[in-house]
Amino acid sequence: MARRLDRDAYGQVEATLGDLQSQLARQSDDLAFYRSIVSPADGIQGLRIQRFAVLPGVAPREVQLKLTLVQAMRHESIVSGLAQITLLGVKDDVPARFSVGDLLGKPRAELPFSFRYFQTIEQTVVLPEGFAPFETEVRVRSSKLRAPVQQTFAWKVAGQPVAAL
């Protein structure tokens, strides 16, 4: 009986410890994110692309694109502009590229943003039949920038292999 009680207590302690460790990891990630806004490691101020993620959608070939922009060290004014996300890949064995506007049926459409500290832009799109993306180009324009901020990300759907699309 005593061993069983010890085993049950040990199991509860393990579960609590696991929960606390995952909570600590999430808080460490949050702290790193906010620290990058206030005082980035490279010491460069201004608009930057912080994160880009692709999440699976509800329907077949549907994905949700999540782009997080931050304004590092400069928080006295609001930054606004337009973000362009372009998917590069192969469609029917031929190189192809589709902007988010193309996928939404509005070829010239860009995603607007306006924020003081940070903003996450989310857009759901359906990939064309036979299109296999391999990377994403993100380009951010603002009147406060001398030149657009541009970054390329490898295509990876969170928690799902690309072949599953």
Protein backbone atom coordinates (compact mmCIF):
# COMPACT_ATOMS: atom_id res chain seq x y z
CA MET A 1 0.00 0.00 0.00
CA ALA A 2 2.85 2.39 0.91
CA ARG A 3 4.62 1.67 -2.41
CA ARG A 4 1.45 2.35 -4.35
CA LEU A 5 0.97 5.67 -2.57
CA ASP A 6 4.61 6.55 -3.24
CA ARG A 7 4.20 5.61 -6.92
CA ASP A 8 1.04 7.72 -7.25
CA ALA A 9 2.67 10.68 -5.50
CA TYR A 10 5.76 10.34 -7.70
CA GLY A 11 3.55 10.31 -10.81
CA GLN A 12 1.78 13.49 -9.69
CA VAL A 13 5.11 15.19 -8.98
CA GLU A 14 6.40 14.19 -12.44
CA ALA A 15 3.26 15.55 -14.12
CA THR A 16 3.51 18.84 -12.20
CA LEU A 17 7.20 19.15 -12.97
CA GLY A 18 6.55 18.55 -16.70
CA ASP A 19 3.83 21.23 -16.72
CA LEU A 20 6.12 23.70 -14.96
CA GLN A 21 8.97 23.00 -17.38
CA SER A 22 6.76 23.59 -20.43
CA GLN A 23 5.41 26.78 -18.85
CA LEU A 24 8.96 27.97 -18.18
CA ALA A 25 9.95 27.23 -21.79
CA ARG A 26 6.97 29.25 -23.11
CA GLN A 27 7.83 32.14 -20.79
CA SER A 28 11.47 32.04 -21.88
CA ASP A 29 10.35 32.23 -25.54
CA ASP A 30 8.06 35.17 -24.71
CA LEU A 31 10.85 36.93 -22.83
CA ALA A 32 13.25 36.48 -25.76
CA PHE A 33 10.60 37.89 -28.13
CA TYR A 34 9.95 41.00 -26.03
CA ARG A 35 13.66 41.48 -25.38
CA SER A 36 14.23 41.51 -29.17
CA ILE A 37 11.75 44.38 -29.46
CA VAL A 38 13.21 46.49 -26.67
CA SER A 39 16.89 45.70 -27.16
CA PRO A 40 17.81 43.42 -30.08
CA ALA A 41 21.05 41.48 -29.83
CA ASP A 42 22.51 43.16 -32.93
CA GLY A 43 21.66 46.66 -31.63
CA ILE A 44 20.03 47.68 -34.92
CA GLN A 45 16.83 49.64 -34.55
CA GLY A 46 13.82 49.82 -36.83
CA LEU A 47 11.36 47.55 -38.60
CA ARG A 48 12.25 43.88 -38.92
CA ILE A 49 10.71 40.53 -39.71
CA GLN A 50 10.66 38.60 -36.44
CA ARG A 51 8.93 35.32 -37.36
CA PHE A 52 7.24 33.57 -40.24
CA ALA A 53 5.26 30.37 -39.81
CA VAL A 54 3.04 28.17 -41.95
CA LEU A 55 0.23 26.33 -40.16
CA PRO A 56 -2.06 23.67 -41.62
CA GLY A 57 -5.51 24.85 -42.62
CA VAL A 58 -8.87 23.15 -42.29
CA ALA A 59 -9.42 22.22 -45.93
CA PRO A 60 -7.08 20.24 -48.22
CA ARG A 61 -4.11 22.34 -49.48
CA GLU A 62 -5.21 25.20 -47.19
CA VAL A 63 -2.51 26.85 -45.07
CA GLN A 64 -2.39 29.77 -42.69
CA LEU A 65 0.54 32.13 -43.10
CA LYS A 66 1.63 33.99 -39.94
CA LEU A 67 4.07 36.88 -40.24
CA THR A 68 5.26 38.76 -37.14
CA LEU A 69 6.82 42.19 -37.62
CA VAL A 70 8.51 44.19 -34.86
CA GLN A 71 9.79 47.70 -34.45
CA ALA A 72 13.02 47.33 -32.50
CA MET A 73 14.11 50.07 -30.11
CA ARG A 74 12.03 52.81 -31.81
CA HIS A 75 8.66 53.02 -30.13
CA GLU A 76 7.92 56.73 -30.26
CA SER A 77 5.92 56.46 -33.49
CA ILE A 78 3.72 54.04 -35.37
CA VAL A 79 5.18 52.24 -38.37
CA SER A 80 2.87 51.27 -41.24
CA GLY A 81 3.20 49.87 -44.71
CA LEU A 82 2.60 46.80 -46.84
CA ALA A 83 3.90 43.24 -46.68
CA GLN A 84 4.20 41.02 -49.74
CA ILE A 85 4.45 37.25 -49.27
CA THR A 86 5.43 35.15 -52.29
CA LEU A 87 5.53 31.35 -52.36
CA LEU A 88 8.18 29.79 -54.59
CA GLY A 89 7.98 26.20 -55.71
CA VAL A 90 7.22 23.81 -58.52
CA LYS A 91 3.91 23.33 -60.32
CA ASP A 92 3.70 20.42 -62.73
CA ASP A 93 7.52 20.15 -62.82
CA VAL A 94 7.91 23.83 -63.80
CA PRO A 95 9.21 26.53 -61.43
CA ALA A 96 6.33 28.68 -60.20
CA ARG A 97 5.74 31.59 -57.86
CA PHE A 98 2.49 32.78 -56.36
CA SER A 99 1.98 35.92 -54.30
CA VAL A 100 -0.65 35.89 -51.60
CA GLY A 101 -2.60 38.29 -53.81
CA ASP A 102 -2.51 35.75 -56.67
CA LEU A 103 -3.82 33.03 -54.35
CA LEU A 104 -6.62 35.32 -53.11
CA GLY A 105 -7.64 36.30 -56.65
CA LYS A 106 -6.35 39.87 -56.21
CA PRO A 107 -2.96 39.83 -58.00
CA ARG A 108 -1.72 43.23 -56.77
CA ALA A 109 -2.97 42.82 -53.19
CA GLU A 110 -0.50 43.23 -50.34
CA LEU A 111 -1.04 42.82 -46.61
CA PRO A 112 -1.28 46.13 -44.71
CA PHE A 113 0.24 46.66 -41.26
CA SER A 114 0.32 49.46 -38.71
CA PHE A 115 1.74 49.13 -35.20
CA ARG A 116 3.97 50.65 -32.53
CA TYR A 117 5.68 47.58 -31.01
CA PHE A 118 4.76 44.47 -33.01
CA GLN A 119 2.02 42.94 -35.15
CA THR A 120 1.21 39.44 -36.35
CA ILE A 121 -0.41 39.30 -39.77
CA GLU A 122 -2.37 36.12 -40.51
CA GLN A 123 -3.66 35.12 -43.92
CA THR A 124 -5.25 31.85 -44.99
CA VAL A 125 -4.64 30.72 -48.58
CA VAL A 126 -5.32 27.62 -50.66
CA LEU A 127 -2.35 26.27 -52.60
CA PRO A 128 -3.01 25.58 -56.29
CA GLU A 129 -3.45 21.97 -57.37
CA GLY A 130 -0.08 20.44 -58.26
CA PHE A 131 1.93 23.24 -56.60
CA ALA A 132 4.70 22.17 -54.19
CA PRO A 133 6.26 25.15 -52.40
CA PHE A 134 9.85 25.01 -51.19
CA GLU A 135 10.41 28.54 -49.84
CA THR A 136 8.70 31.82 -49.07
CA GLU A 137 9.90 35.35 -49.77
CA VAL A 138 8.66 38.08 -47.45
CA ARG A 139 9.10 41.70 -48.46
CA VAL A 140 8.05 44.58 -46.22
CA ARG A 141 7.75 48.18 -47.42
CA SER A 142 7.20 51.28 -45.32
CA SER A 143 7.63 55.00 -45.86
CA LYS A 144 9.96 54.97 -42.83
CA LEU A 145 12.40 52.60 -44.58
CA ARG A 146 15.04 53.61 -47.11
CA ALA A 147 14.80 50.17 -48.72
CA PRO A 148 12.35 47.29 -48.26
CA VAL A 149 13.13 44.64 -45.66
CA GLN A 150 13.31 41.24 -47.35
CA GLN A 151 13.84 37.74 -46.01
CA THR A 152 13.48 34.21 -47.38
CA PHE A 153 12.16 31.29 -45.31
CA ALA A 154 12.27 27.57 -46.08
CA TRP A 155 8.77 26.15 -46.52
CA LYS A 156 7.73 24.12 -43.52
CA VAL A 157 4.20 23.50 -42.34
CA ALA A 158 4.19 23.34 -38.56
CA GLY A 159 3.50 19.79 -37.34
CA GLN A 160 2.93 18.40 -40.81
CA PRO A 161 5.11 17.12 -43.67
CA VAL A 162 4.75 19.04 -46.94
CA ALA A 163 3.67 15.86 -48.75
CA ALA A 164 0.52 15.84 -46.59
CA LEU A 165 -0.81 18.90 -48.42
